[in-house]
Amino acid sequence: MDEVFQHYLPHCIFVLVCIVVSALANVQASLFLKTLIDDYIVPMTQQATPDFGPLAAALGRIGCVYAVGVLAAWLNSRIMVNVTQGTLRNLRTKLFTHMESLPIRYFDQHPHGDIMSVYTNDVDTLRQMLSQSIPQLTSSAITIVSVLTSMVLMSWQLTLVTLCMVALMLFCTKKITSMSGKYFIAQQKDLGKVNGYIEEMINGQKVVKVFNHERKCEEEFDVKNEQLKNNATQANKFANILMPILMNLGNLQYVLIAILGGALALGGVGGLTLGAIASFMTLSKSFTQPINQVSQQ
């Protein structure tokens, strides 16, 4: 991150502003649903000749809010492409410059393919962190705080239901990611070993042929390749089941809020209206979506 801020601090500040604007635009759009239903649609259903002028003006205003949010999200993604690729270029340059200063014994003690893997696989892993994970984490934090505040002000009873479901989601995420994380680390290490072994065998192909070492090389390669396959399979197995689990828990939360919100509205508890329930259901989706996205990252 020091490397990023050293060269792209103004870009990062502008990206942060865009993230805030985009997150607040989404929250404002969700809150507008309450006003739209309670102040415009429901009264119009009771009019013999409804006037659609105020409704059209309100839709125009929220359309502008959406447009600003979309533009901010696009600028955020577009700028982060330049920041990410520029940072990776600088890192590779520093790596190569440092490699040129290392003693020969370093290259004798480390497989060349493993060294090359640092430039390709390891540096490319940072690309996802810079371009997706960190902006997503920042956006999610802002969204969660703003949405939670809106939900508490609207209905603290329904907010408690949402928080209980979020706690269940976090518990599942912790369990699954703790199992997948160790395998992802092992996968990166095994990938470097396989690259190193292949590079050594290609460079030493003449020696392998002269001493009839082909079968032994195949056996050693099969062991390393099988280990890489097993760790990659385990890592992606746990990673791929995470999102379906979280999405289904989110759908369950949506149903529970709809049922409980309807019951509270019919009972006259908390002053809930049809628009408030609809808005709260949208906010609950907005609240759990960033948590799911951060969990996936």
C-alpha atoms as a PDB file:
ATOM      1  CA  MET A   1       0.000   0.000   0.000  1.00  0.00           C
ATOM      2  CA  ASP A   2       2.956   2.307   0.577  1.00  0.00           C
ATOM      3  CA  GLU A   3       3.924   1.630  -3.043  1.00  0.00           C
ATOM      4  CA  VAL A   4       0.411   2.549  -4.153  1.00  0.00           C
ATOM      5  CA  PHE A   5       0.184   5.763  -2.116  1.00  0.00           C
ATOM      6  CA  GLN A   6       3.670   6.847  -3.142  1.00  0.00           C
ATOM      7  CA  HIS A   7       2.701   7.076  -6.813  1.00  0.00           C
ATOM      8  CA  TYR A   8      -1.114   7.235  -6.842  1.00  0.00           C
ATOM      9  CA  LEU A   9      -2.256   9.103  -3.717  1.00  0.00           C
ATOM     10  CA  PRO A  10      -4.472  11.655  -5.623  1.00  0.00           C
ATOM     11  CA  HIS A  11      -6.040   8.802  -7.580  1.00  0.00           C
ATOM     12  CA  CYS A  12      -6.812   6.907  -4.355  1.00  0.00           C
ATOM     13  CA  ILE A  13      -8.426   9.970  -2.765  1.00  0.00           C
ATOM     14  CA  PHE A  14     -10.626  10.477  -5.841  1.00  0.00           C
ATOM     15  CA  VAL A  15     -11.547   6.773  -5.856  1.00  0.00           C
ATOM     16  CA  LEU A  16     -12.549   7.025  -2.181  1.00  0.00           C
ATOM     17  CA  VAL A  17     -14.830   9.969  -2.999  1.00  0.00           C
ATOM     18  CA  CYS A  18     -16.405   7.975  -5.851  1.00  0.00           C
ATOM     19  CA  ILE A  19     -16.960   4.992  -3.552  1.00  0.00           C
ATOM     20  CA  VAL A  20     -18.698   7.181  -0.958  1.00  0.00           C
ATOM     21  CA  VAL A  21     -20.924   8.804  -3.605  1.00  0.00           C
ATOM     22  CA  SER A  22     -21.847   5.440  -5.125  1.00  0.00           C
ATOM     23  CA  ALA A  23     -22.673   3.870  -1.746  1.00  0.00           C
ATOM     24  CA  LEU A  24     -24.793   6.822  -0.589  1.00  0.00           C
ATOM     25  CA  ALA A  25     -26.637   6.895  -3.923  1.00  0.00           C
ATOM     26  CA  ASN A  26     -27.652   3.256  -3.465  1.00  0.00           C
ATOM     27  CA  VAL A  27     -28.869   3.922   0.087  1.00  0.00           C
ATOM     28  CA  GLN A  28     -30.826   6.983  -1.012  1.00  0.00           C
ATOM     29  CA  ALA A  29     -32.478   4.970  -3.782  1.00  0.00           C
ATOM     30  CA  SER A  30     -33.590   2.321  -1.273  1.00  0.00           C
ATOM     31  CA  LEU A  31     -34.977   4.940   1.134  1.00  0.00           C
ATOM     32  CA  PHE A  32     -36.869   6.600  -1.726  1.00  0.00           C
ATOM     33  CA  LEU A  33     -38.973   3.439  -2.135  1.00  0.00           C
ATOM     34  CA  LYS A  34     -40.823   4.269   1.120  1.00  0.00           C
ATOM     35  CA  THR A  35     -41.623   7.784  -0.088  1.00  0.00           C
ATOM     36  CA  LEU A  36     -42.611   6.499  -3.514  1.00  0.00           C
ATOM     37  CA  ILE A  37     -45.170   4.022  -2.171  1.00  0.00           C
ATOM     38  CA  ASP A  38     -46.558   5.924   0.825  1.00  0.00           C
ATOM     39  CA  ASP A  39     -46.617   9.466  -0.619  1.00  0.00           C
ATOM     40  CA  TYR A  40     -47.372   8.838  -4.290  1.00  0.00           C
ATOM     41  CA  ILE A  41     -48.632   5.357  -5.233  1.00  0.00           C
ATOM     42  CA  VAL A  42     -50.983   4.616  -2.294  1.00  0.00           C
ATOM     43  CA  PRO A  43     -52.717   8.050  -2.425  1.00  0.00           C
ATOM     44  CA  MET A  44     -53.131   7.711  -6.211  1.00  0.00           C
ATOM     45  CA  THR A  45     -54.980   4.408  -5.785  1.00  0.00           C
ATOM     46  CA  GLN A  46     -57.657   6.314  -3.848  1.00  0.00           C
ATOM     47  CA  GLN A  47     -58.162   8.970  -6.550  1.00  0.00           C
ATOM     48  CA  ALA A  48     -60.723   8.615  -9.316  1.00  0.00           C
ATOM     49  CA  THR A  49     -58.494  10.515 -11.779  1.00  0.00           C
ATOM     50  CA  PRO A  50     -54.927  10.301 -10.431  1.00  0.00           C
ATOM     51  CA  ASP A  51     -52.394  12.955 -11.382  1.00  0.00           C
ATOM     52  CA  PHE A  52     -49.163  11.288 -12.523  1.00  0.00           C
ATOM     53  CA  GLY A  53     -47.199  14.567 -12.683  1.00  0.00           C
ATOM     54  CA  PRO A  54     -45.751  14.495  -9.122  1.00  0.00           C
ATOM     55  CA  LEU A  55     -44.910  10.793  -9.486  1.00  0.00           C
ATOM     56  CA  ALA A  56     -43.070  11.430 -12.746  1.00  0.00           C
ATOM     57  CA  ALA A  57     -41.098  14.279 -11.163  1.00  0.00           C
ATOM     58  CA  ALA A  58     -40.143  12.071  -8.203  1.00  0.00           C
ATOM     59  CA  LEU A  59     -39.021   9.281 -10.540  1.00  0.00           C
ATOM     60  CA  GLY A  60     -36.957  11.817 -12.470  1.00  0.00           C
ATOM     61  CA  ARG A  61     -35.185  12.899  -9.274  1.00  0.00           C
ATOM     62  CA  ILE A  62     -34.346   9.362  -8.220  1.00  0.00           C
ATOM     63  CA  GLY A  63     -33.223   8.654 -11.782  1.00  0.00           C
ATOM     64  CA  CYS A  64     -30.650  11.431 -11.416  1.00  0.00           C
ATOM     65  CA  VAL A  65     -29.467   9.904  -8.129  1.00  0.00           C
ATOM     66  CA  TYR A  66     -29.021   6.540  -9.846  1.00  0.00           C
ATOM     67  CA  ALA A  67     -27.133   8.173 -12.724  1.00  0.00           C
ATOM     68  CA  VAL A  68     -24.698   9.849 -10.308  1.00  0.00           C
ATOM     69  CA  GLY A  69     -24.160   6.535  -8.508  1.00  0.00           C
ATOM     70  CA  VAL A  70     -23.491   4.683 -11.773  1.00  0.00           C
ATOM     71  CA  LEU A  71     -21.046   7.351 -12.944  1.00  0.00           C
ATOM     72  CA  ALA A  72     -19.183   7.261  -9.620  1.00  0.00           C
ATOM     73  CA  ALA A  73     -18.960   3.448  -9.736  1.00  0.00           C
ATOM     74  CA  TRP A  74     -17.638   3.555 -13.311  1.00  0.00           C
ATOM     75  CA  LEU A  75     -14.999   6.178 -12.467  1.00  0.00           C
ATOM     76  CA  ASN A  76     -13.920   4.130  -9.448  1.00  0.00           C
ATOM     77  CA  SER A  77     -13.413   0.980 -11.542  1.00  0.00           C
ATOM     78  CA  ARG A  78     -11.757   2.811 -14.412  1.00  0.00           C
ATOM     79  CA  ILE A  79      -9.213   4.652 -12.257  1.00  0.00           C
ATOM     80  CA  MET A  80      -8.366   1.533 -10.241  1.00  0.00           C
ATOM     81  CA  VAL A  81      -7.375  -0.239 -13.473  1.00  0.00           C
ATOM     82  CA  ASN A  82      -4.617   2.330 -14.023  1.00  0.00           C
ATOM     83  CA  VAL A  83      -3.592   2.316 -10.354  1.00  0.00           C
ATOM     84  CA  THR A  84      -3.416  -1.486 -10.208  1.00  0.00           C
ATOM     85  CA  GLN A  85      -1.509  -2.065 -13.434  1.00  0.00           C
ATOM     86  CA  GLY A  86       0.887   0.802 -12.725  1.00  0.00           C
ATOM     87  CA  THR A  87       1.610  -0.546  -9.237  1.00  0.00           C
ATOM     88  CA  LEU A  88       2.237  -4.073 -10.558  1.00  0.00           C
ATOM     89  CA  ARG A  89       4.594  -2.646 -13.178  1.00  0.00           C
ATOM     90  CA  ASN A  90       6.552  -0.816 -10.473  1.00  0.00           C
ATOM     91  CA  LEU A  91       6.684  -3.947  -8.298  1.00  0.00           C
ATOM     92  CA  ARG A  92       7.988  -6.081 -11.151  1.00  0.00           C
ATOM     93  CA  THR A  93      10.619  -3.451 -11.915  1.00  0.00           C
ATOM     94  CA  LYS A  94      11.765  -3.429  -8.288  1.00  0.00           C
ATOM     95  CA  LEU A  95      11.787  -7.215  -8.196  1.00  0.00           C
ATOM     96  CA  PHE A  96      13.895  -7.458 -11.342  1.00  0.00           C
ATOM     97  CA  THR A  97      16.315  -4.754 -10.177  1.00  0.00           C
ATOM     98  CA  HIS A  98      16.730  -6.505  -6.835  1.00  0.00           C
ATOM     99  CA  MET A  99      17.182  -9.867  -8.536  1.00  0.00           C
ATOM    100  CA  GLU A 100      20.079  -8.467 -10.555  1.00  0.00           C
ATOM    101  CA  SER A 101      21.885  -7.621  -7.295  1.00  0.00           C
ATOM    102  CA  LEU A 102      21.526 -11.100  -5.743  1.00  0.00           C
ATOM    103  CA  PRO A 103      24.599 -13.387  -5.558  1.00  0.00           C
ATOM    104  CA  ILE A 104      24.873 -16.422  -7.839  1.00  0.00           C
ATOM    105  CA  ARG A 105      24.462 -18.816  -4.898  1.00  0.00           C
ATOM    106  CA  TYR A 106      20.860 -17.599  -4.517  1.00  0.00           C
ATOM    107  CA  PHE A 107      20.034 -18.907  -7.983  1.00  0.00           C
ATOM    108  CA  ASP A 108      21.834 -22.159  -7.228  1.00  0.00           C
ATOM    109  CA  GLN A 109      19.723 -22.673  -4.100  1.00  0.00           C
ATOM    110  CA  HIS A 110      16.305 -21.728  -5.590  1.00  0.00           C
ATOM    111  CA  PRO A 111      14.578 -23.311  -8.625  1.00  0.00           C
ATOM    112  CA  HIS A 112      14.410 -20.847 -11.514  1.00  0.00           C
ATOM    113  CA  GLY A 113      10.743 -21.643 -12.144  1.00  0.00           C
ATOM    114  CA  ASP A 114       9.947 -20.780  -8.525  1.00  0.00           C
ATOM    115  CA  ILE A 115      11.661 -17.410  -8.964  1.00  0.00           C
ATOM    116  CA  MET A 116       9.731 -16.795 -12.188  1.00  0.00           C
ATOM    117  CA  SER A 117       6.501 -17.685 -10.356  1.00  0.00           C
ATOM    118  CA  VAL A 118       6.997 -14.654  -8.103  1.00  0.00           C
ATOM    119  CA  TYR A 119       6.859 -12.354 -11.160  1.00  0.00           C
ATOM    120  CA  THR A 120       3.775 -14.024 -12.625  1.00  0.00           C
ATOM    121  CA  ASN A 121       1.535 -15.880 -10.168  1.00  0.00           C
ATOM    122  CA  ASP A 122       2.375 -14.016  -6.949  1.00  0.00           C
ATOM    123  CA  VAL A 123       2.346 -10.526  -8.436  1.00  0.00           C
ATOM    124  CA  ASP A 124      -0.865 -11.313 -10.332  1.00  0.00           C
ATOM    125  CA  THR A 125      -2.497 -12.311  -7.039  1.00  0.00           C
ATOM    126  CA  LEU A 126      -1.882  -8.741  -5.843  1.00  0.00           C
ATOM    127  CA  ARG A 127      -3.823  -7.493  -8.874  1.00  0.00           C
ATOM    128  CA  GLN A 128      -7.064  -8.891  -7.487  1.00  0.00           C
ATOM    129  CA  MET A 129      -6.354  -7.424  -4.053  1.00  0.00           C
ATOM    130  CA  LEU A 130      -5.692  -3.919  -5.415  1.00  0.00           C
ATOM    131  CA  SER A 131      -8.377  -3.783  -8.105  1.00  0.00           C
ATOM    132  CA  GLN A 132     -11.198  -5.624  -6.292  1.00  0.00           C
ATOM    133  CA  SER A 133     -10.672  -6.573  -2.662  1.00  0.00           C
ATOM    134  CA  ILE A 134      -9.597  -3.233  -1.162  1.00  0.00           C
ATOM    135  CA  PRO A 135     -12.137  -1.044  -3.057  1.00  0.00           C
ATOM    136  CA  GLN A 136     -14.830  -3.620  -2.296  1.00  0.00           C
ATOM    137  CA  LEU A 137     -13.941  -3.621   1.400  1.00  0.00           C
ATOM    138  CA  THR A 138     -14.058   0.191   1.557  1.00  0.00           C
ATOM    139  CA  SER A 139     -17.357   0.372  -0.310  1.00  0.00           C
ATOM    140  CA  SER A 140     -18.865  -2.357   1.846  1.00  0.00           C
ATOM    141  CA  ALA A 141     -17.856  -0.638   5.093  1.00  0.00           C
ATOM    142  CA  ILE A 142     -19.480   2.636   4.009  1.00  0.00           C
ATOM    143  CA  THR A 143     -22.601   0.853   2.754  1.00  0.00           C
ATOM    144  CA  ILE A 144     -22.988  -1.228   5.922  1.00  0.00           C
ATOM    145  CA  VAL A 145     -22.740   1.801   8.237  1.00  0.00           C
ATOM    146  CA  SER A 146     -25.140   3.979   6.230  1.00  0.00           C
ATOM    147  CA  VAL A 147     -27.664   1.177   5.629  1.00  0.00           C
ATOM    148  CA  LEU A 148     -27.605   0.030   9.275  1.00  0.00           C
ATOM    149  CA  THR A 149     -28.294   3.574  10.457  1.00  0.00           C
ATOM    150  CA  SER A 150     -31.257   3.849   8.079  1.00  0.00           C
ATOM    151  CA  MET A 151     -32.622   0.461   9.159  1.00  0.00           C
ATOM    152  CA  VAL A 152     -32.452   1.275  12.881  1.00  0.00           C
ATOM    153  CA  LEU A 153     -34.299   4.566  12.315  1.00  0.00           C
ATOM    154  CA  MET A 154     -36.976   2.766  10.296  1.00  0.00           C
ATOM    155  CA  SER A 155     -37.605  -0.288  12.535  1.00  0.00           C
ATOM    156  CA  TRP A 156     -35.384  -1.583  15.309  1.00  0.00           C
ATOM    157  CA  GLN A 157     -37.415  -4.812  15.543  1.00  0.00           C
ATOM    158  CA  LEU A 158     -36.704  -5.794  11.933  1.00  0.00           C
ATOM    159  CA  THR A 159     -33.105  -4.632  12.347  1.00  0.00           C
ATOM    160  CA  LEU A 160     -32.605  -7.217  15.107  1.00  0.00           C
ATOM    161  CA  VAL A 161     -33.801  -9.970  12.745  1.00  0.00           C
ATOM    162  CA  THR A 162     -31.363  -8.772  10.097  1.00  0.00           C
ATOM    163  CA  LEU A 163     -28.448  -8.678  12.551  1.00  0.00           C
ATOM    164  CA  CYS A 164     -29.195 -12.229  13.738  1.00  0.00           C
ATOM    165  CA  MET A 165     -29.089 -13.476  10.155  1.00  0.00           C
ATOM    166  CA  VAL A 166     -25.870 -11.547   9.516  1.00  0.00           C
ATOM    167  CA  ALA A 167     -24.312 -13.194  12.572  1.00  0.00           C
ATOM    168  CA  LEU A 168     -25.246 -16.589  11.101  1.00  0.00           C
ATOM    169  CA  MET A 169     -23.688 -15.588   7.765  1.00  0.00           C
ATOM    170  CA  LEU A 170     -20.460 -14.488   9.434  1.00  0.00           C
ATOM    171  CA  PHE A 171     -20.297 -17.755  11.376  1.00  0.00           C
ATOM    172  CA  CYS A 172     -20.643 -19.790   8.167  1.00  0.00           C
ATOM    173  CA  THR A 173     -18.092 -17.580   6.413  1.00  0.00           C
ATOM    174  CA  LYS A 174     -15.538 -18.001   9.196  1.00  0.00           C
ATOM    175  CA  LYS A 175     -15.917 -21.777   9.154  1.00  0.00           C
ATOM    176  CA  ILE A 176     -15.643 -22.147   5.385  1.00  0.00           C
ATOM    177  CA  THR A 177     -12.859 -19.611   4.745  1.00  0.00           C
ATOM    178  CA  SER A 178     -10.730 -21.081   7.531  1.00  0.00           C
ATOM    179  CA  MET A 179     -10.799 -24.360   5.614  1.00  0.00           C
ATOM    180  CA  SER A 180     -10.179 -22.863   2.168  1.00  0.00           C
ATOM    181  CA  GLY A 181      -7.449 -20.377   3.196  1.00  0.00           C
ATOM    182  CA  LYS A 182      -4.827 -22.962   4.123  1.00  0.00           C
ATOM    183  CA  TYR A 183      -5.383 -24.776   0.828  1.00  0.00           C
ATOM    184  CA  PHE A 184      -4.997 -21.576  -1.215  1.00  0.00           C
ATOM    185  CA  ILE A 185      -1.625 -20.957   0.448  1.00  0.00           C
ATOM    186  CA  ALA A 186      -0.563 -24.536  -0.258  1.00  0.00           C
ATOM    187  CA  GLN A 187      -1.762 -24.148  -3.857  1.00  0.00           C
ATOM    188  CA  GLN A 188       0.510 -21.139  -4.445  1.00  0.00           C
ATOM    189  CA  LYS A 189       3.496 -22.977  -2.962  1.00  0.00           C
ATOM    190  CA  ASP A 190       2.839 -26.113  -5.028  1.00  0.00           C
ATOM    191  CA  LEU A 191       2.423 -24.001  -8.159  1.00  0.00           C
ATOM    192  CA  GLY A 192       5.906 -22.552  -7.628  1.00  0.00           C
ATOM    193  CA  LYS A 193       7.324 -26.054  -7.111  1.00  0.00           C
ATOM    194  CA  VAL A 194       5.730 -27.375 -10.305  1.00  0.00           C
ATOM    195  CA  ASN A 195       6.961 -24.381 -12.317  1.00  0.00           C
ATOM    196  CA  GLY A 196      10.444 -24.805 -10.883  1.00  0.00           C
ATOM    197  CA  TYR A 197      10.543 -28.523 -11.636  1.00  0.00           C
ATOM    198  CA  ILE A 198       9.317 -28.075 -15.227  1.00  0.00           C
ATOM    199  CA  GLU A 199      11.864 -25.309 -15.853  1.00  0.00           C
ATOM    200  CA  GLU A 200      14.704 -27.474 -14.497  1.00  0.00           C
ATOM    201  CA  MET A 201      13.699 -30.501 -16.589  1.00  0.00           C
ATOM    202  CA  ILE A 202      13.437 -28.425 -19.775  1.00  0.00           C
ATOM    203  CA  ASN A 203      16.841 -26.828 -19.235  1.00  0.00           C
ATOM    204  CA  GLY A 204      18.366 -30.202 -18.374  1.00  0.00           C
ATOM    205  CA  GLN A 205      16.600 -32.162 -21.096  1.00  0.00           C
ATOM    206  CA  LYS A 206      19.858 -33.288 -22.720  1.00  0.00           C
ATOM    207  CA  VAL A 207      21.170 -34.695 -19.431  1.00  0.00           C
ATOM    208  CA  VAL A 208      17.835 -36.422 -18.789  1.00  0.00           C
ATOM    209  CA  LYS A 209      17.993 -38.100 -22.220  1.00  0.00           C
ATOM    210  CA  VAL A 210      21.631 -39.135 -21.916  1.00  0.00           C
ATOM    211  CA  PHE A 211      21.101 -40.936 -18.590  1.00  0.00           C
ATOM    212  CA  ASN A 212      17.648 -42.351 -19.498  1.00  0.00           C
ATOM    213  CA  HIS A 213      16.071 -40.471 -16.603  1.00  0.00           C
ATOM    214  CA  GLU A 214      12.713 -39.867 -18.343  1.00  0.00           C
ATOM    215  CA  ARG A 215      10.654 -42.321 -16.283  1.00  0.00           C
ATOM    216  CA  LYS A 216      12.052 -41.015 -12.990  1.00  0.00           C
ATOM    217  CA  CYS A 217      11.278 -37.441 -14.071  1.00  0.00           C
ATOM    218  CA  GLU A 218       7.716 -38.394 -14.959  1.00  0.00           C
ATOM    219  CA  GLU A 219       7.193 -40.042 -11.585  1.00  0.00           C
ATOM    220  CA  GLU A 220       8.522 -37.018  -9.687  1.00  0.00           C
ATOM    221  CA  PHE A 221       6.421 -34.680 -11.825  1.00  0.00           C
ATOM    222  CA  ASP A 222       3.285 -36.769 -11.243  1.00  0.00           C
ATOM    223  CA  VAL A 223       3.762 -36.489  -7.473  1.00  0.00           C
ATOM    224  CA  LYS A 224       4.109 -32.673  -7.590  1.00  0.00           C
ATOM    225  CA  ASN A 225       1.295 -32.321 -10.112  1.00  0.00           C
ATOM    226  CA  GLU A 226      -1.062 -34.488  -8.058  1.00  0.00           C
ATOM    227  CA  GLN A 227      -0.300 -32.502  -4.907  1.00  0.00           C
ATOM    228  CA  LEU A 228      -1.049 -29.244  -6.733  1.00  0.00           C
ATOM    229  CA  LYS A 229      -4.313 -30.693  -8.064  1.00  0.00           C
ATOM    230  CA  ASN A 230      -5.446 -31.860  -4.626  1.00  0.00           C
ATOM    231  CA  ASN A 231      -4.743 -28.536  -2.903  1.00  0.00           C
ATOM    232  CA  ALA A 232      -6.322 -26.515  -5.732  1.00  0.00           C
ATOM    233  CA  THR A 233      -9.404 -28.750  -5.674  1.00  0.00           C
ATOM    234  CA  GLN A 234      -9.839 -28.385  -1.921  1.00  0.00           C
ATOM    235  CA  ALA A 235      -9.282 -24.617  -2.031  1.00  0.00           C
ATOM    236  CA  ASN A 236     -11.811 -23.995  -4.811  1.00  0.00           C
ATOM    237  CA  LYS A 237     -14.309 -26.508  -3.404  1.00  0.00           C
ATOM    238  CA  PHE A 238     -14.717 -24.561  -0.177  1.00  0.00           C
ATOM    239  CA  ALA A 239     -14.518 -21.198  -1.957  1.00  0.00           C
ATOM    240  CA  ASN A 240     -17.243 -22.110  -4.466  1.00  0.00           C
ATOM    241  CA  ILE A 241     -19.774 -23.353  -1.905  1.00  0.00           C
ATOM    242  CA  LEU A 242     -19.535 -20.137   0.128  1.00  0.00           C
ATOM    243  CA  MET A 243     -21.589 -17.867  -2.141  1.00  0.00           C
ATOM    244  CA  PRO A 244     -24.558 -20.259  -2.625  1.00  0.00           C
ATOM    245  CA  ILE A 245     -24.779 -20.704   1.149  1.00  0.00           C
ATOM    246  CA  LEU A 246     -24.690 -16.958   1.817  1.00  0.00           C
ATOM    247  CA  MET A 247     -27.179 -16.198  -0.981  1.00  0.00           C
ATOM    248  CA  ASN A 248     -29.693 -18.711   0.379  1.00  0.00           C
ATOM    249  CA  LEU A 249     -29.312 -17.330   3.894  1.00  0.00           C
ATOM    250  CA  GLY A 250     -29.941 -13.872   2.409  1.00  0.00           C
ATOM    251  CA  ASN A 251     -33.132 -15.129   0.725  1.00  0.00           C
ATOM    252  CA  LEU A 252     -34.271 -16.668   4.016  1.00  0.00           C
ATOM    253  CA  GLN A 253     -33.688 -13.336   5.742  1.00  0.00           C
ATOM    254  CA  TYR A 254     -35.746 -11.579   3.044  1.00  0.00           C
ATOM    255  CA  VAL A 255     -38.709 -13.904   3.666  1.00  0.00           C
ATOM    256  CA  LEU A 256     -38.501 -13.561   7.461  1.00  0.00           C
ATOM    257  CA  ILE A 257     -38.498  -9.756   7.232  1.00  0.00           C
ATOM    258  CA  ALA A 258     -41.481  -9.796   4.885  1.00  0.00           C
ATOM    259  CA  ILE A 259     -43.499 -12.031   7.243  1.00  0.00           C
ATOM    260  CA  LEU A 260     -42.522 -10.252  10.461  1.00  0.00           C
ATOM    261  CA  GLY A 261     -42.878  -6.806   8.884  1.00  0.00           C
ATOM    262  CA  GLY A 262     -46.364  -7.642   7.653  1.00  0.00           C
ATOM    263  CA  ALA A 263     -47.333  -8.918  11.102  1.00  0.00           C
ATOM    264  CA  LEU A 264     -46.006  -5.768  12.793  1.00  0.00           C
ATOM    265  CA  ALA A 265     -47.800  -3.531  10.286  1.00  0.00           C
ATOM    266  CA  LEU A 266     -51.120  -5.354  10.785  1.00  0.00           C
ATOM    267  CA  GLY A 267     -50.659  -5.118  14.548  1.00  0.00           C
ATOM    268  CA  GLY A 268     -49.902  -1.409  14.381  1.00  0.00           C
ATOM    269  CA  VAL A 269     -46.466  -1.855  15.966  1.00  0.00           C
ATOM    270  CA  GLY A 270     -43.721   0.681  15.258  1.00  0.00           C
ATOM    271  CA  GLY A 271     -45.804   2.638  12.747  1.00  0.00           C
ATOM    272  CA  LEU A 272     -44.729   0.436   9.869  1.00  0.00           C
ATOM    273  CA  THR A 273     -46.375   1.108   6.505  1.00  0.00           C
ATOM    274  CA  LEU A 274     -46.379  -0.769   3.211  1.00  0.00           C
ATOM    275  CA  GLY A 275     -43.702   1.563   1.858  1.00  0.00           C
ATOM    276  CA  ALA A 276     -41.568   1.191   4.977  1.00  0.00           C
ATOM    277  CA  ILE A 277     -41.632  -2.618   4.724  1.00  0.00           C
ATOM    278  CA  ALA A 278     -40.756  -2.542   1.024  1.00  0.00           C
ATOM    279  CA  SER A 279     -37.936  -0.075   1.677  1.00  0.00           C
ATOM    280  CA  PHE A 280     -36.638  -2.105   4.630  1.00  0.00           C
ATOM    281  CA  MET A 281     -36.566  -5.306   2.555  1.00  0.00           C
ATOM    282  CA  THR A 282     -34.471  -3.529  -0.056  1.00  0.00           C
ATOM    283  CA  LEU A 283     -32.184  -2.139   2.648  1.00  0.00           C
ATOM    284  CA  SER A 284     -31.735  -5.601   4.153  1.00  0.00           C
ATOM    285  CA  LYS A 285     -30.552  -6.884   0.775  1.00  0.00           C
ATOM    286  CA  SER A 286     -28.189  -3.914   0.509  1.00  0.00           C
ATOM    287  CA  PHE A 287     -26.912  -4.665   4.015  1.00  0.00           C
ATOM    288  CA  THR A 288     -26.104  -8.343   3.424  1.00  0.00           C
ATOM    289  CA  GLN A 289     -24.757  -7.949  -0.118  1.00  0.00           C
ATOM    290  CA  PRO A 290     -21.520  -6.148   0.934  1.00  0.00           C
ATOM    291  CA  ILE A 291     -20.953  -8.785   3.639  1.00  0.00           C
ATOM    292  CA  ASN A 292     -21.276 -11.528   1.020  1.00  0.00           C
ATOM    293  CA  GLN A 293     -18.919  -9.698  -1.341  1.00  0.00           C
ATOM    294  CA  VAL A 294     -16.270  -9.148   1.344  1.00  0.00           C
ATOM    295  CA  SER A 295     -16.578 -12.791   2.379  1.00  0.00           C
ATOM    296  CA  GLN A 296     -15.948 -13.868  -1.214  1.00  0.00           C
ATOM    297  CA  GLN A 297     -12.896 -11.593  -1.501  1.00  0.00           C
END
